[in-house]
Amino acid sequence: MTDLIILNGQVLTFDGPDVEALAISDGVITAVGSNSEIRELAGSARVIDAQGNTVLPGFIDSHVHLFQGGAELEYLNLYNVYGPDRIKAAVEPYSASRPDDVLLFANCIEYNAFGDRPTTRQDLDAVVPDRPFFVMASDGHTGWANTKALELTGLLNGKDVDEGSEIVMAADGTATGELREAAAVGPLYAHTPLGGREAAGSVTGADPIPTPTAAERSADKGVLARGLEFCASHGITGLHNMDGNFYQLELLAELEKEGSLLCRTEVPMHLKHTDPLDRLEEAAQMRAQYSSDMLWSARVKMFIDGVIDNRTAFMLQPYPGTDSCSAPLFSDEHFKQACIRADAMGLQISVHAIGDAAVRSTLDGYEAAQKANGARDSRHRIEHIEVINPADIPRLAELGVVASLQPLHSPRSGFFGGYEPGDILHDFQIEQACPWQTMRNAGARVVFSTDWPVVPVDVMQTIQGAVCGLDPSASVSDRSQFQTLRDSLASYTCDNAWVEFNEHRKGKLRPGMMADVVVMDSDIEALPEEKLGSACAAVTICGGRVTYEA
């Protein structure tokens, strides 16, 4: 018996010719073909009329922070809000609506939100003078706290933090309010409405301490459920989480049991630079315990550097006007041994590497693993690759390393501001930034994602960013790194299925594949490229079940 058929579509199969229709039974695609062929299979099945619009494999977002993204749906988002007056106008009603929060938390503020100078605690004091206030940058690597927030956490006069993190200090011996990286922002996250549990998987890489109460677990599960619903509303059927712990896996497993896990979700073990290698045994435990079609763990995530904007990205040349290249979070030996051991365990590895030196160090680590263990189909990943030395581009294909990219991170996309020459990057580094097509042309496998909540989880906005940028009025002289629409869609569907070792089960619309499908509200190939971001999911189907319907 056929359960569901989709007719009258522009069906992009990513498996040969495009077709008009498909049929689904018991969570599997059973047939693809013409409208007449599929109508014959209908019987009593539900019929979805695609109305001439695009139908394609469900989107797989291969780089998200689900718990943080779900939590931040309820927090104030200050993206693109500039100037003290506009910021205060946005924050005041938000503050009034949350009188019981110990710490007023907002996110996605710009580095230059208060002007062409560093933001200070005094700036935030002027916005919120009477209660602790903390706001994170979009990149999740830098936050700013007002004086009361610094007093609440005991950071006003500074504190020793792990290497790679920094509490920026003023000349008078007090904190400026700027907090860089996990160990510095961690004390502030501990006072969010969720007690920092939403960030534990990325800030500490471990389970929340103290153990959450039953009420807290229920609240956290609700946050994850809302995040999954939000992802499904954008046509997403699969997620690769980039922070993880047993706690998130336990909550997601409960949602799966209850039938509320709307997106297939992969969760890694997060190994921090402060962790001993024996902690990798947790990754083996996660893999053994979670291995269903809807929820699994088989990967290790590491950070080797920070971000360019706060100058914690590890660079081959010093930042302009300084003698600092920053430094890697892992020592060279510790990182290589981590790669060797994780690879020997048969685990996939993904590493956050943004600076050109960080990318080179990551490639060196993967090369060391190959030399120690022998080459295998590991599909190890480098996340972001915002600056890469041209000499390292061929090494991606040579080592079989996947370039895991987020198009809206590139200044070319227009979501964030561009780099000013001589500010935080040298001219030649700007030219080497985000060379997506150059990497493709060199034979590297390229996959796309959002890094939600760093940028919106709206897939089509990212697709437009990859194809032409978000601002049609912007004059981009070098269009050589923009992507074709088909390549961009493949990087979000069949290629992301491949990077999770599931290319034989999902990512293409053919008989026998998992019925993960999205029906769009327009024929996206007929849209002007500058309108791609306006396309939305009309129906999302995961495992043959409708998980979203507009």
Protein backbone atom coordinates (compact mmCIF):
# COMPACT_ATOMS: atom_id res chain seq x y z
CA MET A 1 0.00 0.00 0.00
CA THR A 2 1.29 3.44 -0.93
CA ASP A 3 1.07 5.93 1.92
CA LEU A 4 1.78 9.20 0.15
CA ILE A 5 2.40 10.46 -3.35
CA ILE A 6 3.70 13.79 -4.60
CA LEU A 7 2.52 14.90 -8.03
CA ASN A 8 3.13 17.84 -10.39
CA GLY A 9 6.62 18.61 -9.15
CA GLN A 10 9.91 19.66 -10.58
CA VAL A 11 11.52 16.70 -8.81
CA LEU A 12 15.30 17.00 -8.52
CA THR A 13 16.36 13.42 -7.86
CA PHE A 14 20.15 13.94 -7.77
CA ASP A 15 20.15 10.44 -9.25
CA GLY A 16 19.79 10.87 -12.97
CA PRO A 17 16.94 12.58 -14.80
CA ASP A 18 14.52 14.87 -13.01
CA VAL A 19 10.95 13.59 -12.82
CA GLU A 20 7.44 14.81 -12.01
CA ALA A 21 6.30 12.64 -9.13
CA LEU A 22 7.18 10.07 -6.48
CA ALA A 23 5.53 7.55 -4.18
CA ILE A 24 6.28 6.70 -0.54
CA SER A 25 5.42 3.64 1.51
CA ASP A 26 6.54 2.64 5.02
CA GLY A 27 9.03 5.48 5.21
CA VAL A 28 10.76 4.59 1.94
CA ILE A 29 10.56 5.97 -1.58
CA THR A 30 8.98 3.23 -3.66
CA ALA A 31 8.76 4.85 -7.10
CA VAL A 32 9.69 7.97 -9.05
CA GLY A 33 8.44 8.89 -12.46
CA SER A 34 5.79 10.74 -14.42
CA ASN A 35 2.51 11.94 -12.99
CA SER A 36 0.62 9.21 -14.81
CA GLU A 37 2.93 6.47 -13.57
CA ILE A 38 2.70 7.56 -9.96
CA ARG A 39 -1.06 8.20 -10.04
CA GLU A 40 -1.55 4.51 -10.83
CA LEU A 41 0.05 3.69 -7.44
CA ALA A 42 -2.07 6.12 -5.46
CA GLY A 43 -4.89 3.90 -4.17
CA SER A 44 -5.99 5.52 -0.91
CA ALA A 45 -2.68 7.32 -0.39
CA ARG A 46 -2.54 10.96 0.59
CA VAL A 47 -1.78 13.12 -2.45
CA ILE A 48 0.40 16.22 -2.21
CA ASP A 49 0.15 18.51 -5.23
CA ALA A 50 3.51 20.23 -5.68
CA GLN A 51 1.86 22.71 -8.08
CA GLY A 52 4.85 22.81 -10.41
CA ASN A 53 7.28 23.65 -7.62
CA THR A 54 10.61 22.11 -6.73
CA VAL A 55 10.73 18.81 -4.89
CA LEU A 56 14.11 17.60 -3.66
CA PRO A 57 15.75 15.48 -0.97
CA GLY A 58 15.26 16.84 2.52
CA PHE A 59 17.92 19.34 3.46
CA ILE A 60 20.67 18.13 5.79
CA ASP A 61 22.22 20.97 7.78
CA SER A 62 25.66 19.56 8.52
CA HIS A 63 26.78 22.16 11.08
CA VAL A 64 24.35 23.37 13.75
CA HIS A 65 24.20 23.93 17.51
CA LEU A 66 20.70 22.63 18.13
CA PHE A 67 20.37 23.24 21.87
CA GLN A 68 21.72 26.80 21.63
CA GLY A 69 19.67 27.50 18.52
CA GLY A 70 16.48 26.31 20.17
CA ALA A 71 17.22 28.36 23.29
CA GLU A 72 18.05 31.50 21.38
CA LEU A 73 14.68 31.48 19.62
CA GLU A 74 13.39 33.06 22.85
CA TYR A 75 16.31 35.43 23.45
CA LEU A 76 16.67 38.93 22.02
CA ASN A 77 18.50 38.91 18.69
CA LEU A 78 20.50 42.11 18.07
CA TYR A 79 21.75 41.27 14.59
CA ASN A 80 22.06 44.42 12.50
CA VAL A 81 21.09 46.70 15.41
CA TYR A 82 23.61 49.54 15.60
CA GLY A 83 24.09 52.50 17.90
CA PRO A 84 23.31 52.95 21.61
CA ASP A 85 19.87 54.44 21.01
CA ARG A 86 18.64 51.63 18.77
CA ILE A 87 20.17 48.98 21.03
CA LYS A 88 18.53 50.52 24.10
CA ALA A 89 15.18 50.74 22.30
CA ALA A 90 15.40 47.02 21.53
CA VAL A 91 16.61 45.94 24.96
CA GLU A 92 14.25 47.92 27.22
CA PRO A 93 10.98 46.13 26.32
CA TYR A 94 12.84 42.79 26.31
CA SER A 95 14.14 43.51 29.81
CA ALA A 96 10.67 44.47 31.00
CA SER A 97 9.28 41.19 29.64
CA ARG A 98 11.78 39.09 31.61
CA PRO A 99 11.78 40.53 35.15
CA ASP A 100 12.74 37.26 36.82
CA ASP A 101 15.89 36.48 34.82
CA VAL A 102 18.96 36.64 37.06
CA LEU A 103 20.98 37.61 34.00
CA LEU A 104 19.40 39.35 31.02
CA PHE A 105 20.84 37.55 28.00
CA ALA A 106 20.79 38.60 24.34
CA ASN A 107 22.68 37.40 21.29
CA CYS A 108 23.97 38.17 17.80
CA ILE A 109 25.26 41.67 18.51
CA GLU A 110 27.82 43.03 16.05
CA TYR A 111 31.41 43.68 17.07
CA ASN A 112 31.04 47.31 16.01
CA ALA A 113 27.50 47.81 17.30
CA PHE A 114 28.50 50.81 19.40
CA GLY A 115 30.71 52.35 16.74
CA ASP A 116 34.17 51.92 15.29
CA ARG A 117 35.77 51.01 18.62
CA PRO A 118 35.68 48.12 21.11
CA THR A 119 32.45 47.71 23.03
CA THR A 120 32.83 48.20 26.80
CA ARG A 121 30.93 47.39 29.96
CA GLN A 122 30.16 51.10 30.25
CA ASP A 123 28.37 50.95 26.89
CA LEU A 124 26.18 48.17 28.24
CA ASP A 125 25.72 49.97 31.56
CA ALA A 126 24.14 52.82 29.62
CA VAL A 127 21.72 50.35 28.01
CA VAL A 128 20.92 48.30 31.12
CA PRO A 129 22.12 50.08 34.27
CA ASP A 130 20.05 48.30 36.91
CA ARG A 131 20.55 44.54 36.35
CA PRO A 132 23.16 42.09 35.00
CA PHE A 133 23.22 42.12 31.20
CA PHE A 134 25.25 39.95 28.85
CA VAL A 135 25.22 39.73 25.05
CA MET A 136 27.04 37.37 22.70
CA ALA A 137 28.34 38.10 19.23
CA SER A 138 26.85 36.18 16.33
CA ASP A 139 29.95 33.99 16.08
CA GLY A 140 29.50 32.68 19.64
CA HIS A 141 33.15 33.34 20.47
CA THR A 142 32.97 36.80 22.05
CA GLY A 143 30.57 38.27 24.58
CA TRP A 144 30.20 41.56 26.41
CA ALA A 145 28.97 42.00 29.98
CA ASN A 146 27.89 45.11 31.85
CA THR A 147 29.34 45.96 35.26
CA LYS A 148 26.59 44.22 37.23
CA ALA A 149 27.06 41.02 35.20
CA LEU A 150 30.80 41.09 35.83
CA GLU A 151 30.16 41.60 39.54
CA LEU A 152 27.63 38.76 39.56
CA THR A 153 30.22 36.35 38.16
CA GLY A 154 33.25 37.67 40.00
CA LEU A 155 35.00 38.75 36.81
CA LEU A 156 35.13 42.51 37.31
CA ASN A 157 38.73 42.36 38.51
CA GLY A 158 39.73 39.59 36.12
CA LYS A 159 40.35 35.90 36.63
CA ASP A 160 42.71 33.23 35.34
CA VAL A 161 41.10 31.30 32.46
CA ASP A 162 42.17 28.46 30.21
CA GLU A 163 44.71 29.17 27.49
CA GLY A 164 42.95 30.45 24.39
CA SER A 165 40.36 32.40 26.37
CA GLU A 166 40.68 35.95 27.67
CA ILE A 167 38.98 38.41 29.97
CA VAL A 168 40.06 41.67 28.36
CA MET A 169 41.36 44.09 31.00
CA ALA A 170 41.43 47.90 31.03
CA ALA A 171 44.35 50.05 32.14
CA ASP A 172 42.70 50.60 35.54
CA GLY A 173 42.86 46.88 36.34
CA THR A 174 39.18 46.14 35.81
CA ALA A 175 37.56 44.14 33.04
CA THR A 176 36.54 46.09 29.95
CA GLY A 177 33.49 43.87 29.57
CA GLU A 178 34.80 41.93 26.56
CA LEU A 179 35.09 38.18 27.10
CA ARG A 180 36.78 35.98 24.51
CA GLU A 181 36.18 32.27 24.03
CA ALA A 182 34.63 29.51 26.11
CA ALA A 183 36.39 29.73 29.47
CA ALA A 184 35.76 33.48 29.68
CA VAL A 185 32.08 33.41 28.70
CA GLY A 186 31.30 30.21 30.64
CA PRO A 187 30.68 31.97 33.99
CA LEU A 188 28.10 34.22 32.29
CA TYR A 189 26.33 31.33 30.57
CA ALA A 190 25.91 29.72 34.00
CA HIS A 191 23.33 32.43 34.76
CA THR A 192 21.21 32.23 31.61
CA PRO A 193 17.58 31.13 32.07
CA LEU A 194 18.71 27.57 31.28
CA GLY A 195 21.66 27.72 33.65
CA GLY A 196 24.13 27.36 30.78
CA ARG A 197 22.97 23.83 29.99
CA GLU A 198 22.33 24.87 26.39
CA ALA A 199 26.02 25.74 26.04
CA ALA A 200 27.57 22.95 28.12
CA GLY A 201 28.19 20.78 25.07
CA SER A 202 30.27 23.50 23.43
CA VAL A 203 31.70 25.48 26.36
CA THR A 204 32.76 22.51 28.51
CA GLY A 205 32.21 19.55 26.20
CA ALA A 206 30.74 17.71 29.19
CA ASP A 207 27.41 17.14 30.88
CA PRO A 208 25.88 19.98 32.92
CA ILE A 209 26.95 20.32 36.55
CA PRO A 210 25.03 20.03 38.82
CA THR A 211 22.84 17.29 37.42
CA PRO A 212 19.66 18.90 36.07
CA THR A 213 16.45 18.46 38.03
CA ALA A 214 13.39 16.81 36.53
CA ALA A 215 11.89 20.25 35.87
CA GLU A 216 15.07 21.43 34.18
CA ARG A 217 15.22 18.30 32.01
CA SER A 218 11.63 18.90 30.95
CA ALA A 219 12.37 22.52 30.07
CA ASP A 220 15.50 21.55 28.14
CA LYS A 221 13.65 18.87 26.19
CA GLY A 222 11.08 21.50 25.27
CA VAL A 223 13.84 23.75 23.96
CA LEU A 224 15.21 20.94 21.79
CA ALA A 225 11.72 20.11 20.52
CA ARG A 226 11.12 23.75 19.52
CA GLY A 227 14.47 23.82 17.77
CA LEU A 228 13.61 20.68 15.82
CA GLU A 229 10.23 22.10 14.82
CA PHE A 230 11.93 25.27 13.63
CA CYS A 231 14.44 23.29 11.55
CA ALA A 232 11.69 21.17 10.01
CA SER A 233 9.84 24.35 9.01
CA HIS A 234 12.81 25.16 6.76
CA GLY A 235 12.74 21.83 4.92
CA ILE A 236 15.42 20.23 7.10
CA THR A 237 15.26 16.49 7.69
CA GLY A 238 18.78 15.94 9.03
CA LEU A 239 21.18 17.71 11.40
CA HIS A 240 24.83 17.30 12.30
CA ASN A 241 25.22 18.84 15.73
CA MET A 242 28.57 20.47 16.46
CA ASP A 243 28.47 20.34 20.22
CA GLY A 244 27.51 17.33 22.22
CA ASN A 245 27.36 15.47 25.47
CA PHE A 246 25.49 12.51 26.90
CA TYR A 247 22.86 14.89 28.27
CA GLN A 248 21.77 16.09 24.83
CA LEU A 249 21.76 12.53 23.51
CA GLU A 250 19.58 11.38 26.41
CA LEU A 251 17.04 14.15 25.81
CA LEU A 252 16.98 13.56 22.06
CA ALA A 253 16.52 9.82 22.66
CA GLU A 254 13.50 10.60 24.82
CA LEU A 255 12.07 12.75 22.02
CA GLU A 256 12.69 9.91 19.57
CA LYS A 257 10.81 7.48 21.84
CA GLU A 258 7.93 9.95 22.09
CA GLY A 259 7.83 10.45 18.30
CA SER A 260 8.92 14.09 18.56
CA LEU A 261 12.38 13.83 17.01
CA LEU A 262 11.45 15.56 13.75
CA CYS A 263 14.94 15.62 12.20
CA ARG A 264 17.51 12.84 12.02
CA THR A 265 20.27 14.07 14.32
CA GLU A 266 23.94 13.16 14.69
CA VAL A 267 25.69 14.28 17.90
CA PRO A 268 29.48 14.20 18.36
CA MET A 269 31.70 13.83 21.37
CA HIS A 270 33.38 17.21 21.98
CA LEU A 271 37.08 16.87 22.90
CA LYS A 272 38.53 20.07 24.32
CA HIS A 273 42.18 21.04 24.27
CA THR A 274 42.23 20.72 28.06
CA ASP A 275 41.04 17.08 27.92
CA PRO A 276 43.26 14.00 28.21
CA LEU A 277 43.12 11.62 25.27
CA ASP A 278 41.51 8.94 27.42
CA ARG A 279 38.33 11.00 27.28
CA LEU A 280 37.90 9.73 23.73
CA GLU A 281 36.51 6.58 25.30
CA GLU A 282 33.33 8.60 25.80
CA ALA A 283 33.04 8.82 22.01
CA ALA A 284 33.16 5.03 21.81
CA GLN A 285 30.46 4.80 24.47
CA MET A 286 28.26 7.30 22.62
CA ARG A 287 28.68 5.36 19.38
CA ALA A 288 27.77 2.07 21.06
CA GLN A 289 24.74 3.49 22.84
CA TYR A 290 23.22 5.64 20.07
CA SER A 291 23.01 4.17 16.59
CA SER A 292 19.45 4.45 15.31
CA ASP A 293 18.37 5.88 11.97
CA MET A 294 17.08 8.97 13.79
CA LEU A 295 19.81 9.53 16.41
CA TRP A 296 23.42 8.46 16.33
CA SER A 297 26.96 9.38 17.36
CA ALA A 298 30.14 8.46 15.50
CA ARG A 299 32.24 11.63 15.42
CA VAL A 300 34.65 13.71 17.49
CA LYS A 301 34.56 17.50 17.34
CA MET A 302 37.56 19.68 18.23
CA PHE A 303 38.40 23.38 18.11
CA ILE A 304 41.90 24.32 17.05
CA ASP A 305 41.41 28.09 17.01
CA GLY A 306 38.89 30.89 17.52
CA VAL A 307 37.63 33.52 15.07
CA ILE A 308 39.13 36.30 13.00
CA ASP A 309 37.02 39.12 14.45
CA ASN A 310 38.50 38.87 17.94
CA ARG A 311 41.92 37.84 16.61
CA THR A 312 41.86 34.38 18.15
CA ALA A 313 41.98 32.65 14.75
CA PHE A 314 45.44 31.10 14.29
CA MET A 315 47.23 32.78 11.37
CA LEU A 316 50.44 32.15 9.46
CA GLN A 317 51.32 35.87 9.56
CA PRO A 318 50.79 38.29 12.44
CA TYR A 319 47.59 40.31 12.44
CA PRO A 320 48.07 43.77 10.87
CA GLY A 321 49.81 46.17 13.20
CA THR A 322 50.67 43.45 15.73
CA ASP A 323 53.26 40.76 16.33
CA SER A 324 50.58 38.18 17.18
CA CYS A 325 49.48 35.28 15.03
CA SER A 326 47.32 34.07 17.94
CA ALA A 327 48.02 30.44 18.87
CA PRO A 328 46.39 27.06 18.41
CA LEU A 329 44.28 25.76 21.27
CA PHE A 330 45.87 22.31 21.06
CA SER A 331 49.62 21.83 21.17
CA ASP A 332 50.91 20.25 17.98
CA GLU A 333 51.67 16.93 19.66
CA HIS A 334 48.40 16.77 21.61
CA PHE A 335 46.35 17.48 18.49
CA LYS A 336 48.17 14.95 16.31
CA GLN A 337 47.84 12.27 18.98
CA ALA A 338 44.13 13.05 19.31
CA CYS A 339 43.69 12.67 15.55
CA ILE A 340 45.70 9.44 15.48
CA ARG A 341 43.74 7.91 18.34
CA ALA A 342 40.27 8.96 17.16
CA ASP A 343 41.06 7.79 13.63
CA ALA A 344 42.33 4.45 14.93
CA MET A 345 39.00 4.05 16.74
CA GLY A 346 37.21 4.42 13.40
CA LEU A 347 35.65 7.71 14.40
CA GLN A 348 35.05 10.59 12.04
CA ILE A 349 36.72 13.86 13.08
CA SER A 350 35.59 17.42 12.49
CA VAL A 351 37.74 20.37 13.50
CA HIS A 352 36.83 24.04 13.76
CA ALA A 353 39.67 25.77 11.90
CA ILE A 354 39.28 29.34 10.64
CA GLY A 355 42.76 30.84 10.26
CA ASP A 356 45.21 29.69 7.61
CA ALA A 357 47.62 28.33 10.23
CA ALA A 358 44.78 26.47 11.94
CA VAL A 359 43.75 24.89 8.63
CA ARG A 360 47.35 23.82 7.99
CA SER A 361 47.66 22.38 11.51
CA THR A 362 44.44 20.42 11.03
CA LEU A 363 45.65 18.99 7.74
CA ASP A 364 48.92 18.07 9.45
CA GLY A 365 46.95 16.24 12.13
CA TYR A 366 44.94 14.29 9.58
CA GLU A 367 48.10 13.47 7.65
CA ALA A 368 49.71 12.18 10.86
CA ALA A 369 46.68 9.93 11.40
CA GLN A 370 47.01 8.49 7.89
CA LYS A 371 50.71 7.82 8.37
CA ALA A 372 50.10 6.13 11.72
CA ASN A 373 46.97 4.14 10.87
CA GLY A 374 46.97 3.86 7.09
CA ALA A 375 44.62 5.56 4.70
CA ARG A 376 40.92 4.80 5.01
CA ASP A 377 37.61 6.30 3.94
CA SER A 378 37.48 8.54 7.01
CA ARG A 379 35.73 11.61 5.56
CA HIS A 380 37.36 13.79 8.21
CA ARG A 381 36.14 17.36 8.03
CA ILE A 382 37.45 20.88 8.48
CA GLU A 383 34.76 23.27 9.61
CA HIS A 384 34.77 26.84 8.23
CA ILE A 385 38.13 27.29 6.41
CA GLU A 386 37.71 31.04 6.22
CA VAL A 387 41.34 31.65 5.26
CA ILE A 388 43.52 29.00 3.63
CA ASN A 389 46.99 29.32 2.14
CA PRO A 390 46.89 28.35 -1.57
CA ALA A 391 49.59 25.73 -0.95
CA ASP A 392 47.20 23.83 1.33
CA ILE A 393 44.23 23.68 -1.04
CA PRO A 394 45.49 20.59 -2.96
CA ARG A 395 46.05 18.79 0.34
CA LEU A 396 42.28 18.62 0.94
CA ALA A 397 41.78 16.23 -1.97
CA GLU A 398 45.09 14.46 -1.43
CA LEU A 399 44.14 13.58 2.14
CA GLY A 400 40.43 13.03 1.40
CA VAL A 401 39.47 15.86 3.75
CA VAL A 402 36.01 17.43 3.45
CA ALA A 403 35.65 21.21 3.29
CA SER A 404 32.64 21.89 5.52
CA LEU A 405 31.66 25.47 4.71
CA GLN A 406 29.06 27.99 5.79
CA PRO A 407 28.40 30.39 2.89
CA LEU A 408 26.90 33.15 5.03
CA HIS A 409 30.15 33.39 7.00
CA SER A 410 31.91 34.70 3.92
CA PRO A 411 31.98 38.48 3.49
CA ARG A 412 31.10 37.74 -0.13
CA SER A 413 27.63 36.65 0.96
CA GLY A 414 26.73 40.02 2.46
CA PHE A 415 25.31 38.66 5.71
CA PHE A 416 28.20 40.01 7.77
CA GLY A 417 30.33 43.03 6.93
CA GLY A 418 33.41 42.60 4.78
CA TYR A 419 37.02 42.82 5.85
CA GLU A 420 38.70 46.19 5.66
CA PRO A 421 42.24 45.85 4.23
CA GLY A 422 44.84 46.16 6.95
CA ASP A 423 42.32 45.89 9.80
CA ILE A 424 42.22 42.27 10.90
CA LEU A 425 43.44 40.70 7.65
CA HIS A 426 46.18 41.59 5.21
CA ASP A 427 45.20 42.27 1.60
CA PHE A 428 46.56 38.93 0.40
CA GLN A 429 44.63 37.09 3.13
CA ILE A 430 41.40 38.75 2.06
CA GLU A 431 42.07 37.48 -1.46
CA GLN A 432 42.56 33.97 -0.03
CA ALA A 433 39.40 34.05 2.08
CA CYS A 434 36.57 31.57 1.47
CA PRO A 435 37.79 30.11 -1.86
CA TRP A 436 34.85 27.75 -2.31
CA GLN A 437 35.10 27.16 -6.04
CA THR A 438 38.88 27.00 -6.00
CA MET A 439 38.60 24.14 -3.51
CA ARG A 440 36.00 22.40 -5.69
CA ASN A 441 38.16 22.79 -8.75
CA ALA A 442 41.08 21.25 -6.86
CA GLY A 443 39.02 18.13 -6.22
CA ALA A 444 37.94 18.74 -2.62
CA ARG A 445 34.55 17.51 -1.47
CA VAL A 446 32.51 20.53 -0.38
CA VAL A 447 29.46 20.52 1.91
CA PHE A 448 27.34 23.46 3.04
CA SER A 449 25.57 24.33 6.28
CA THR A 450 24.53 27.28 8.44
CA ASP A 451 26.24 27.04 11.87
CA TRP A 452 22.87 27.99 13.38
CA PRO A 453 22.40 30.06 15.56
CA VAL A 454 25.48 31.95 14.28
CA VAL A 455 23.36 32.62 11.19
CA PRO A 456 19.68 31.75 10.59
CA VAL A 457 18.88 28.11 9.90
CA ASP A 458 16.96 29.25 6.78
CA VAL A 459 18.50 26.99 4.13
CA MET A 460 17.51 29.04 1.11
CA GLN A 461 19.12 32.17 2.53
CA THR A 462 22.38 30.23 2.70
CA ILE A 463 21.82 28.91 -0.83
CA GLN A 464 21.41 32.45 -2.15
CA GLY A 465 24.53 33.49 -0.24
CA ALA A 466 26.46 30.75 -2.03
CA VAL A 467 25.03 31.48 -5.49
CA CYS A 468 25.11 35.27 -5.65
CA GLY A 469 25.15 36.86 -2.19
CA LEU A 470 22.25 38.32 -0.25
CA ASP A 471 22.50 41.94 -1.34
CA PRO A 472 21.63 42.32 -5.03
CA SER A 473 22.80 45.95 -4.95
CA ALA A 474 26.30 45.00 -3.77
CA SER A 475 28.99 45.21 -6.40
CA VAL A 476 31.14 42.09 -6.10
CA SER A 477 33.94 42.37 -8.62
CA ASP A 478 35.17 38.81 -8.12
CA ARG A 479 32.32 36.36 -8.71
CA SER A 480 34.64 33.43 -9.31
CA GLN A 481 33.88 31.81 -5.94
CA PHE A 482 30.08 31.89 -6.22
CA GLN A 483 28.48 28.49 -6.76
CA THR A 484 26.01 27.09 -9.24
CA LEU A 485 22.55 26.45 -7.89
CA ARG A 486 22.76 22.70 -8.51
CA ASP A 487 26.15 22.42 -6.77
CA SER A 488 24.80 24.42 -3.82
CA LEU A 489 21.71 22.24 -3.52
CA ALA A 490 23.82 19.10 -3.80
CA SER A 491 26.08 20.39 -1.03
CA TYR A 492 23.00 20.59 1.20
CA THR A 493 21.45 17.24 0.25
CA CYS A 494 23.26 14.32 -1.36
CA ASP A 495 26.74 15.58 -0.43
CA ASN A 496 25.74 16.02 3.20
CA ALA A 497 24.28 12.50 3.15
CA TRP A 498 27.63 11.31 1.81
CA VAL A 499 29.66 13.08 4.50
CA GLU A 500 27.66 11.24 7.17
CA PHE A 501 28.29 7.88 5.39
CA ASN A 502 24.63 7.57 4.40
CA GLU A 503 24.80 8.16 0.66
CA HIS A 504 23.27 4.72 0.02
CA ARG A 505 20.24 5.54 2.18
CA LYS A 506 19.40 9.22 1.80
CA GLY A 507 20.16 12.42 -0.11
CA LYS A 508 18.71 11.19 -3.41
CA LEU A 509 15.17 10.54 -4.58
CA ARG A 510 15.15 7.00 -5.89
CA PRO A 511 13.35 3.78 -4.96
CA GLY A 512 14.68 2.23 -1.79
CA MET A 513 15.97 5.47 -0.27
CA MET A 514 14.67 6.93 2.98
CA ALA A 515 11.65 9.12 2.30
CA ASP A 516 13.22 12.39 3.41
CA VAL A 517 11.74 14.98 1.06
CA VAL A 518 10.99 18.68 0.92
CA VAL A 519 8.35 20.26 -1.32
CA MET A 520 9.14 23.92 -1.92
CA ASP A 521 6.66 26.75 -2.42
CA SER A 522 8.21 27.77 -5.75
CA ASP A 523 10.16 26.43 -8.71
CA ILE A 524 13.52 27.55 -7.37
CA GLU A 525 15.32 26.95 -10.66
CA ALA A 526 12.98 29.45 -12.31
CA LEU A 527 13.58 32.15 -9.69
CA PRO A 528 16.01 35.00 -10.31
CA GLU A 529 19.09 34.14 -8.29
CA GLU A 530 18.66 37.23 -6.13
CA LYS A 531 15.24 35.87 -5.07
CA LEU A 532 16.39 32.40 -4.01
CA GLY A 533 16.33 33.37 -0.35
CA SER A 534 12.60 34.03 -0.55
CA ALA A 535 11.79 30.39 -1.35
CA CYS A 536 10.34 28.41 1.55
CA ALA A 537 9.44 24.86 2.41
CA ALA A 538 5.76 24.08 1.83
CA VAL A 539 5.93 20.48 3.12
CA THR A 540 8.72 18.64 4.92
CA ILE A 541 8.70 14.85 5.07
CA CYS A 542 11.10 12.82 7.21
CA GLY A 543 10.93 9.03 7.03
CA GLY A 544 7.64 9.27 5.19
CA ARG A 545 6.06 11.36 7.96
CA VAL A 546 4.99 14.95 7.36
CA THR A 547 6.97 16.95 9.92
CA TYR A 548 5.98 20.40 8.67
CA GLU A 549 3.25 21.78 6.48
CA ALA A 550 2.81 25.48 5.71
